[in-house]
Protein backbone atom coordinates (compact mmCIF):
# COMPACT_ATOMS: atom_id res chain seq x y z
CA UNK A 1 2.28 9.63 -20.45
CA UNK A 2 5.77 8.51 -20.44
CA UNK A 3 7.60 8.14 -23.43
CA UNK A 4 10.51 6.02 -24.98
CA UNK A 5 13.38 7.65 -26.42
CA UNK A 6 13.91 6.68 -30.08
CA UNK A 7 17.45 5.14 -31.18
CA UNK A 8 19.93 7.54 -31.84
CA UNK A 9 17.49 10.62 -31.06
CA UNK A 10 17.98 12.55 -27.70
CA UNK A 11 14.39 13.68 -28.07
CA UNK A 12 11.46 11.59 -26.60
CA UNK A 13 9.03 10.63 -29.32
CA UNK A 14 5.13 9.91 -28.83
CA UNK A 15 5.34 6.01 -28.21
CA UNK A 16 3.84 5.05 -24.84
CA UNK A 17 5.82 2.15 -22.90
CA UNK A 18 2.82 0.08 -23.14
CA UNK A 19 -1.07 0.50 -23.71
CA UNK A 20 -3.07 1.44 -20.52
CA UNK A 21 -5.63 -0.61 -18.90
CA UNK A 22 -9.30 -0.36 -19.04
CA UNK A 23 -9.07 0.62 -15.44
CA UNK A 24 -6.33 3.42 -15.92
CA UNK A 25 -8.37 4.75 -18.96
CA UNK A 26 -11.28 4.80 -16.86
CA UNK A 27 -9.59 6.75 -13.82
CA UNK A 28 -7.94 9.18 -16.03
CA UNK A 29 -11.59 10.09 -17.33
CA UNK A 30 -12.46 10.42 -13.98
CA UNK A 31 -9.60 12.64 -13.17
CA UNK A 32 -10.55 14.71 -16.07
CA UNK A 33 -14.03 15.76 -14.87
CA UNK A 34 -14.33 19.11 -12.77
CA UNK A 35 -13.81 18.72 -8.94
CA UNK A 36 -12.13 16.35 -6.75
CA UNK A 37 -11.92 12.67 -8.19
CA UNK A 38 -13.62 11.23 -4.77
CA UNK A 39 -16.71 12.88 -5.86
CA UNK A 40 -17.65 10.54 -8.89
CA UNK A 41 -17.02 7.52 -6.82
CA UNK A 42 -19.18 8.85 -3.89
CA UNK A 43 -21.98 9.96 -6.40
CA UNK A 44 -21.91 6.39 -8.04
CA UNK A 45 -21.76 4.44 -4.65
CA UNK A 46 -24.79 6.71 -3.26
CA UNK A 47 -27.06 5.73 -6.38
CA UNK A 48 -26.01 2.19 -6.15
CA UNK A 49 -26.88 1.88 -2.30
CA UNK A 50 -30.20 3.78 -3.01
CA UNK A 51 -31.16 1.40 -5.88
CA UNK A 52 -30.21 -1.69 -3.46
CA UNK A 53 -32.31 -0.31 -0.91
CA UNK A 54 -35.30 0.22 -3.16
CA UNK A 55 -34.76 -3.56 -4.64
CA UNK A 56 -34.84 -5.02 -1.23
CA UNK A 57 -38.57 -4.09 -0.95
CA UNK A 58 -39.60 -6.44 -3.46
CA UNK A 59 -38.27 -9.73 -1.75
CA UNK A 60 -39.24 -11.25 1.51
CA UNK A 61 -36.52 -10.01 4.14
CA UNK A 62 -36.20 -13.69 5.03
CA UNK A 63 -34.64 -14.41 1.54
CA UNK A 64 -31.73 -12.11 2.18
CA UNK A 65 -28.72 -13.12 4.28
CA UNK A 66 -27.87 -9.69 4.54
CA UNK A 67 -29.14 -6.32 2.94
CA UNK A 68 -28.25 -5.94 -0.65
CA UNK A 69 -26.79 -2.49 0.07
CA UNK A 70 -24.04 -3.69 1.96
CA UNK A 71 -22.42 -5.29 -0.97
CA UNK A 72 -23.35 -2.02 -2.90
CA UNK A 73 -21.20 0.03 -0.60
CA UNK A 74 -18.23 -1.51 -1.84
CA UNK A 75 -18.61 -1.89 -5.52
CA UNK A 76 -16.69 0.92 -6.41
CA UNK A 77 -14.08 0.71 -3.79
CA UNK A 78 -11.68 -1.30 -5.31
CA UNK A 79 -11.44 1.06 -8.54
CA UNK A 80 -11.43 4.09 -6.15
CA UNK A 81 -8.55 2.55 -3.92
CA UNK A 82 -6.43 1.99 -7.21
CA UNK A 83 -6.98 5.61 -8.11
CA UNK A 84 -5.84 6.99 -4.35
CA UNK A 85 -2.71 4.56 -4.30
CA UNK A 86 -1.64 5.83 -7.61
CA UNK A 87 -1.61 9.31 -6.69
CA UNK A 88 0.26 8.28 -3.28
CA UNK A 89 2.62 6.42 -5.41
CA UNK A 90 3.41 9.33 -7.91
CA UNK A 91 3.79 11.84 -4.46
CA UNK A 92 6.17 9.16 -3.23
CA UNK A 93 8.26 9.07 -6.34
CA UNK A 94 8.63 12.75 -6.42
CA UNK A 95 9.94 12.70 -2.55
CA UNK A 96 12.40 9.68 -3.33
CA UNK A 97 13.63 11.60 -6.56
CA UNK A 98 16.68 13.03 -4.61
CA UNK A 99 18.04 9.34 -3.87
CA UNK A 100 17.94 8.65 -7.38
CA UNK A 101 20.59 9.87 -9.98
CA UNK A 102 18.45 9.50 -13.17
CA UNK A 103 17.79 12.06 -15.76
CA UNK A 104 14.08 13.26 -15.56
CA UNK A 105 12.70 11.08 -18.57
CA UNK A 106 13.70 7.98 -16.83
CA UNK A 107 11.81 9.13 -13.53
CA UNK A 108 8.66 9.63 -15.90
CA UNK A 109 8.92 6.23 -17.33
CA UNK A 110 9.12 5.10 -13.78
CA UNK A 111 6.14 7.10 -12.72
CA UNK A 112 4.27 5.56 -15.73
CA UNK A 113 5.14 2.02 -14.67
CA UNK A 114 4.40 2.59 -11.17
CA UNK A 115 0.70 3.92 -11.75
CA UNK A 116 -0.49 2.05 -14.84
CA UNK A 117 -1.21 -1.42 -15.63
CA UNK A 118 -0.58 -3.28 -18.95
CA UNK A 119 -3.53 -3.55 -20.88
CA UNK A 120 -3.40 -7.26 -21.87
CA UNK A 121 -2.59 -8.46 -18.44
CA UNK A 122 -5.05 -6.26 -16.79
CA UNK A 123 -7.67 -7.75 -19.02
CA UNK A 124 -6.90 -11.21 -18.26
CA UNK A 125 -6.74 -10.78 -14.41
CA UNK A 126 -10.23 -8.94 -14.80
CA UNK A 127 -11.59 -11.99 -16.78
CA UNK A 128 -10.40 -14.38 -14.07
CA UNK A 129 -12.38 -12.06 -11.56
CA UNK A 130 -15.42 -12.22 -13.38
CA UNK A 131 -14.93 -16.01 -13.89
CA UNK A 132 -15.22 -16.49 -10.36
CA UNK A 133 -18.59 -14.62 -10.36
CA UNK A 134 -19.79 -16.86 -13.02
CA UNK A 135 -18.80 -19.73 -10.81
CA UNK A 136 -20.84 -18.18 -7.99
CA UNK A 137 -23.93 -17.91 -10.20
CA UNK A 138 -23.83 -21.56 -10.97
CA UNK A 139 -23.27 -22.46 -7.25
CA UNK A 140 -25.60 -19.77 -5.54
CA UNK A 141 -27.46 -17.87 -8.08
CA UNK A 142 -29.60 -16.10 -5.35
CA UNK A 143 -26.74 -14.28 -4.06
CA UNK A 144 -25.20 -13.07 -7.19
CA UNK A 145 -28.58 -12.31 -9.29
CA UNK A 146 -31.00 -11.84 -6.43
CA UNK A 147 -34.13 -13.83 -5.13
CA UNK A 148 -36.63 -14.79 -7.59
CA UNK A 149 -39.06 -12.11 -6.61
CA UNK A 150 -36.72 -9.12 -7.65
CA UNK A 151 -37.53 -7.54 -11.04
CA UNK A 152 -35.60 -8.44 -13.95
CA UNK A 153 -33.95 -5.29 -14.39
CA UNK A 154 -32.83 -4.88 -11.00
CA UNK A 155 -31.37 -8.43 -11.26
CA UNK A 156 -29.19 -7.45 -14.34
CA UNK A 157 -28.08 -4.35 -12.32
CA UNK A 158 -27.18 -6.34 -9.48
CA UNK A 159 -25.39 -8.81 -11.91
CA UNK A 160 -23.71 -6.11 -13.90
CA UNK A 161 -22.27 -4.69 -10.26
CA UNK A 162 -21.32 -7.70 -8.92
CA UNK A 163 -19.39 -8.41 -12.35
CA UNK A 164 -17.50 -5.04 -12.02
CA UNK A 165 -17.02 -5.45 -8.19
CA UNK A 166 -15.42 -9.01 -8.68
CA UNK A 167 -13.16 -7.77 -11.81
CA UNK A 168 -12.02 -4.54 -10.08
CA UNK A 169 -11.03 -6.83 -6.98
CA UNK A 170 -8.91 -9.18 -8.84
CA UNK A 171 -7.45 -6.15 -10.76
CA UNK A 172 -6.85 -4.48 -7.17
CA UNK A 173 -4.76 -7.40 -5.93
CA UNK A 174 -2.68 -7.62 -9.24
CA UNK A 175 -2.21 -3.96 -9.19
CA UNK A 176 -1.09 -4.01 -5.37
CA UNK A 177 1.32 -6.87 -5.99
CA UNK A 178 2.82 -5.10 -9.16
CA UNK A 179 3.01 -1.79 -7.66
CA UNK A 180 4.67 -2.92 -4.38
CA UNK A 181 7.19 -5.03 -6.70
CA UNK A 182 8.11 -1.84 -8.35
CA UNK A 183 8.83 -0.17 -5.16
CA UNK A 184 11.20 -2.76 -4.34
CA UNK A 185 12.84 -2.07 -7.86
CA UNK A 186 12.98 1.63 -7.28
CA UNK A 187 14.71 1.20 -4.05
CA UNK A 188 17.26 -1.04 -5.85
CA UNK A 189 17.98 1.76 -8.14
CA UNK A 190 18.73 4.38 -5.33
CA UNK A 191 22.07 5.85 -5.80
CA UNK A 192 22.22 8.15 -2.52
CA UNK A 193 21.78 6.44 0.89
CA UNK A 194 22.56 9.15 3.68
CA UNK A 195 21.78 7.28 6.96
CA UNK A 196 21.62 10.83 8.77
CA UNK A 197 19.34 12.40 6.21
CA UNK A 198 16.83 9.60 5.46
CA UNK A 199 13.69 11.54 4.45
CA UNK A 200 13.62 10.69 0.97
CA UNK A 201 14.27 7.12 1.87
CA UNK A 202 10.96 7.21 4.05
CA UNK A 203 8.79 8.28 0.81
CA UNK A 204 7.50 4.96 -0.25
CA UNK A 205 6.52 3.69 3.11
CA UNK A 206 3.27 6.14 2.85
CA UNK A 207 2.10 3.93 0.14
CA UNK A 208 2.91 0.52 1.85
CA UNK A 209 1.10 1.60 4.78
CA UNK A 210 -1.87 2.93 3.23
CA UNK A 211 -2.06 0.06 0.96
CA UNK A 212 -1.81 -2.61 3.97
CA UNK A 213 -4.57 -0.67 5.92
CA UNK A 214 -6.91 -0.22 3.15
CA UNK A 215 -6.69 -3.82 2.05
CA UNK A 216 -7.02 -5.42 5.38
CA UNK A 217 -9.94 -3.00 6.32
CA UNK A 218 -11.86 -3.99 3.05
CA UNK A 219 -11.11 -7.41 4.21
CA UNK A 220 -12.53 -6.97 7.68
CA UNK A 221 -15.70 -5.34 5.99
CA UNK A 222 -16.19 -8.22 4.07
CA UNK A 223 -15.89 -10.79 6.76
CA UNK A 224 -18.05 -8.78 9.14
CA UNK A 225 -20.59 -8.21 6.57
CA UNK A 226 -20.83 -12.07 5.93
CA UNK A 227 -20.27 -13.41 8.96
CA UNK A 228 -23.06 -11.93 11.18
CA UNK A 229 -22.47 -10.72 14.76
CA UNK A 230 -20.91 -13.78 16.24
CA UNK A 231 -17.39 -14.79 14.49
CA UNK A 232 -16.98 -18.38 13.84
CA UNK A 233 -13.38 -19.97 14.07
CA UNK A 234 -13.21 -19.74 10.44
CA UNK A 235 -13.67 -15.72 10.40
CA UNK A 236 -10.92 -15.38 13.07
CA UNK A 237 -8.48 -17.50 11.12
CA UNK A 238 -9.29 -15.15 7.97
CA UNK A 239 -8.88 -12.34 9.87
CA UNK A 240 -5.47 -13.72 11.06
CA UNK A 241 -4.33 -14.39 7.50
CA UNK A 242 -5.65 -10.77 6.81
CA UNK A 243 -3.45 -9.31 9.55
CA UNK A 244 -0.40 -11.38 8.29
CA UNK A 245 -1.02 -10.27 4.62
CA UNK A 246 -1.12 -6.38 5.61
CA UNK A 247 1.93 -6.70 7.62
CA UNK A 248 3.56 -8.30 4.49
CA UNK A 249 2.35 -5.60 2.18
CA UNK A 250 3.69 -2.89 4.47
CA UNK A 251 7.01 -4.34 5.14
CA UNK A 252 8.15 -6.70 2.45
CA UNK A 253 8.53 -3.87 -0.19
CA UNK A 254 10.59 -1.86 1.99
CA UNK A 255 13.00 -4.70 3.18
CA UNK A 256 15.23 -4.25 0.32
CA UNK A 257 16.00 -0.45 1.48
CA UNK A 258 16.28 -1.69 5.19
CA UNK A 259 19.02 -3.92 4.07
CA UNK A 260 20.62 -1.05 2.38
CA UNK A 261 20.37 1.22 5.01
CA UNK A 262 21.60 -1.76 7.63
CA UNK A 263 24.80 -2.13 5.35
CA UNK A 264 25.65 1.75 5.20
CA UNK A 265 24.84 1.74 9.05
CA UNK A 266 27.54 -0.94 9.36
CA UNK A 267 29.92 0.83 7.09
CA UNK A 268 29.80 3.99 9.10
CA UNK A 269 29.89 2.30 12.52
CA UNK A 270 33.20 0.50 11.17
CA UNK A 271 34.70 3.81 9.83
CA UNK A 272 33.99 5.96 13.04
CA UNK A 273 35.50 2.81 15.02
CA UNK A 274 38.76 3.01 13.05
CA UNK A 275 39.07 6.66 13.54
CA UNK A 276 38.66 6.21 17.57
CA UNK A 277 41.25 3.59 17.31
CA UNK A 278 43.45 5.98 15.89
CA UNK A 279 42.69 8.83 18.18
CA UNK A 280 43.05 6.26 21.06
CA UNK A 281 46.41 5.41 19.81
CA UNK A 282 47.35 9.06 19.51
CA UNK A 283 46.11 9.54 22.82
CA UNK A 284 48.24 6.94 24.21
CA UNK A 285 51.49 8.53 22.58
CA UNK A 286 50.35 11.70 24.00
CA UNK A 287 50.38 10.59 27.36
CA UNK A 288 53.92 9.73 27.33
CA UNK A 289 54.86 13.23 26.71
CA UNK A 290 54.96 16.21 29.04
CA UNK A 291 52.98 18.65 26.53
CA UNK A 292 49.22 18.66 27.46
CA UNK A 293 48.11 20.73 24.40
CA UNK A 294 47.72 17.63 22.24
CA UNK A 295 45.78 15.77 24.64
CA UNK A 296 43.17 18.44 24.72
CA UNK A 297 42.95 18.49 21.03
CA UNK A 298 42.71 14.79 21.25
CA UNK A 299 40.25 14.54 23.54
CA UNK A 300 37.67 17.18 21.84
CA UNK A 301 38.30 14.96 18.84
CA UNK A 302 37.26 11.55 20.32
CA UNK A 303 34.45 13.51 22.11
CA UNK A 304 32.86 14.16 18.37
CA UNK A 305 33.51 10.98 17.25
CA UNK A 306 31.54 9.48 20.18
CA UNK A 307 28.79 11.62 19.46
CA UNK A 308 28.85 10.59 16.02
CA UNK A 309 28.82 6.98 16.70
CA UNK A 310 26.06 7.70 18.90
CA UNK A 311 23.85 9.50 16.43
CA UNK A 312 24.74 6.60 13.88
CA UNK A 313 23.75 3.92 16.42
CA UNK A 314 20.49 5.55 17.03
CA UNK A 315 19.87 5.84 13.43
CA UNK A 316 16.77 3.86 12.20
CA UNK A 317 17.26 1.33 9.60
CA UNK A 318 13.62 0.70 8.49
CA UNK A 319 12.55 3.21 5.73
CA UNK A 320 9.62 4.73 7.63
CA UNK A 321 9.22 8.21 9.16
CA UNK A 322 8.57 8.47 12.77
CA UNK A 323 4.94 7.40 13.94
CA UNK A 324 4.32 5.70 10.55
CA UNK A 325 4.47 2.13 12.39
CA UNK A 326 2.47 3.26 15.18
CA UNK A 327 -0.44 4.59 12.80
CA UNK A 328 -0.30 1.11 10.89
CA UNK A 329 -0.35 -0.74 13.89
CA UNK A 330 -3.23 0.94 15.43
CA UNK A 331 -5.21 1.03 12.09
CA UNK A 332 -4.76 -2.74 11.54
CA UNK A 333 -5.17 -4.00 15.35
CA UNK A 334 -7.91 -1.60 16.31
CA UNK A 335 -10.72 -3.96 14.42
CA UNK A 336 -9.06 -7.01 16.21
CA UNK A 337 -9.36 -5.22 19.40
CA UNK A 338 -13.21 -4.60 18.56
CA UNK A 339 -13.62 -8.33 17.89
CA UNK A 340 -12.10 -9.53 21.16
CA UNK A 341 -14.29 -6.80 23.02
CA UNK A 342 -17.41 -8.06 21.28
CA UNK A 343 -16.47 -11.69 22.10
CA UNK A 344 -16.04 -11.07 25.76
CA UNK A 345 -19.32 -8.81 26.07
CA UNK A 346 -21.21 -11.97 24.40
CA UNK A 347 -19.54 -14.19 26.99
CA UNK A 348 -20.16 -11.84 29.79
CA UNK A 349 -23.61 -10.85 29.21
CA UNK A 350 -24.97 -13.62 26.68
CA UNK A 351 -26.94 -13.18 23.71
């Protein structure tokens, strides 16, 4: 837990910056369990899917637009994704530390803010998400509570699972927006921008890439389950929106660092250009002399400066490691390729 410094005291006291949210407390409890953190999520999902498959036996299949298990698979996905992204964020901040000139306590404070949501705001967002579920119950109770033939205990369990899913999904969007905004703030505090050694500056691209891919694949799954085998124009439009959202989540938090790298590149190019101009002026003066020695030294210096200029010109200004953009593009565009392929097959071979 990150601690604040008491006034007039160089030591850290024991006051947290803000109280953690219910989701953070739950994730902390899961983290303290023996074994990898993904095991409790997988076990809970398998139990819920098993109950969902069992519950479908009590109703007429015609009453179920899709099997209940399809929804049960993603009930714990938002919480598990937040847990995973917090781990990625902590690793990214550790790798970004060389670009920060901050004391260790300040870095700990940034880590706490980056991976912890304020309790009150998180509770409000969760209540808003649950409110959408309650609205859905009034409009279509069968989809939330279950068909009339389903036993009451299973209806209650299904409603509780839906309530948790809606609340945690709303919290996931809040978590994402807040975390990626903090990435932009951390980038703005970087004091060391080295265009030729950019590895620390690439650290948070892993977080933005995985956030964008995870959210857009989550949306693809929901759209695929809810829309059936033949995508409608509305479904295709929603996929386009999700693609745009994914690209925004990947690029916008990195844009501030991109502008700083671009400014650093322009500064270095300007400086090397000025040195080349000086070399050229000296070279012109040396050509007017009979001695060849200075000309050789100037030519060597000019060659070195031209190599430096080429390296600077080829240095990328987007803060992501080689291959990151390819992985991101492939992950996001692959489902779209499958959609287009299915539409083509449907047109060629019919239903």
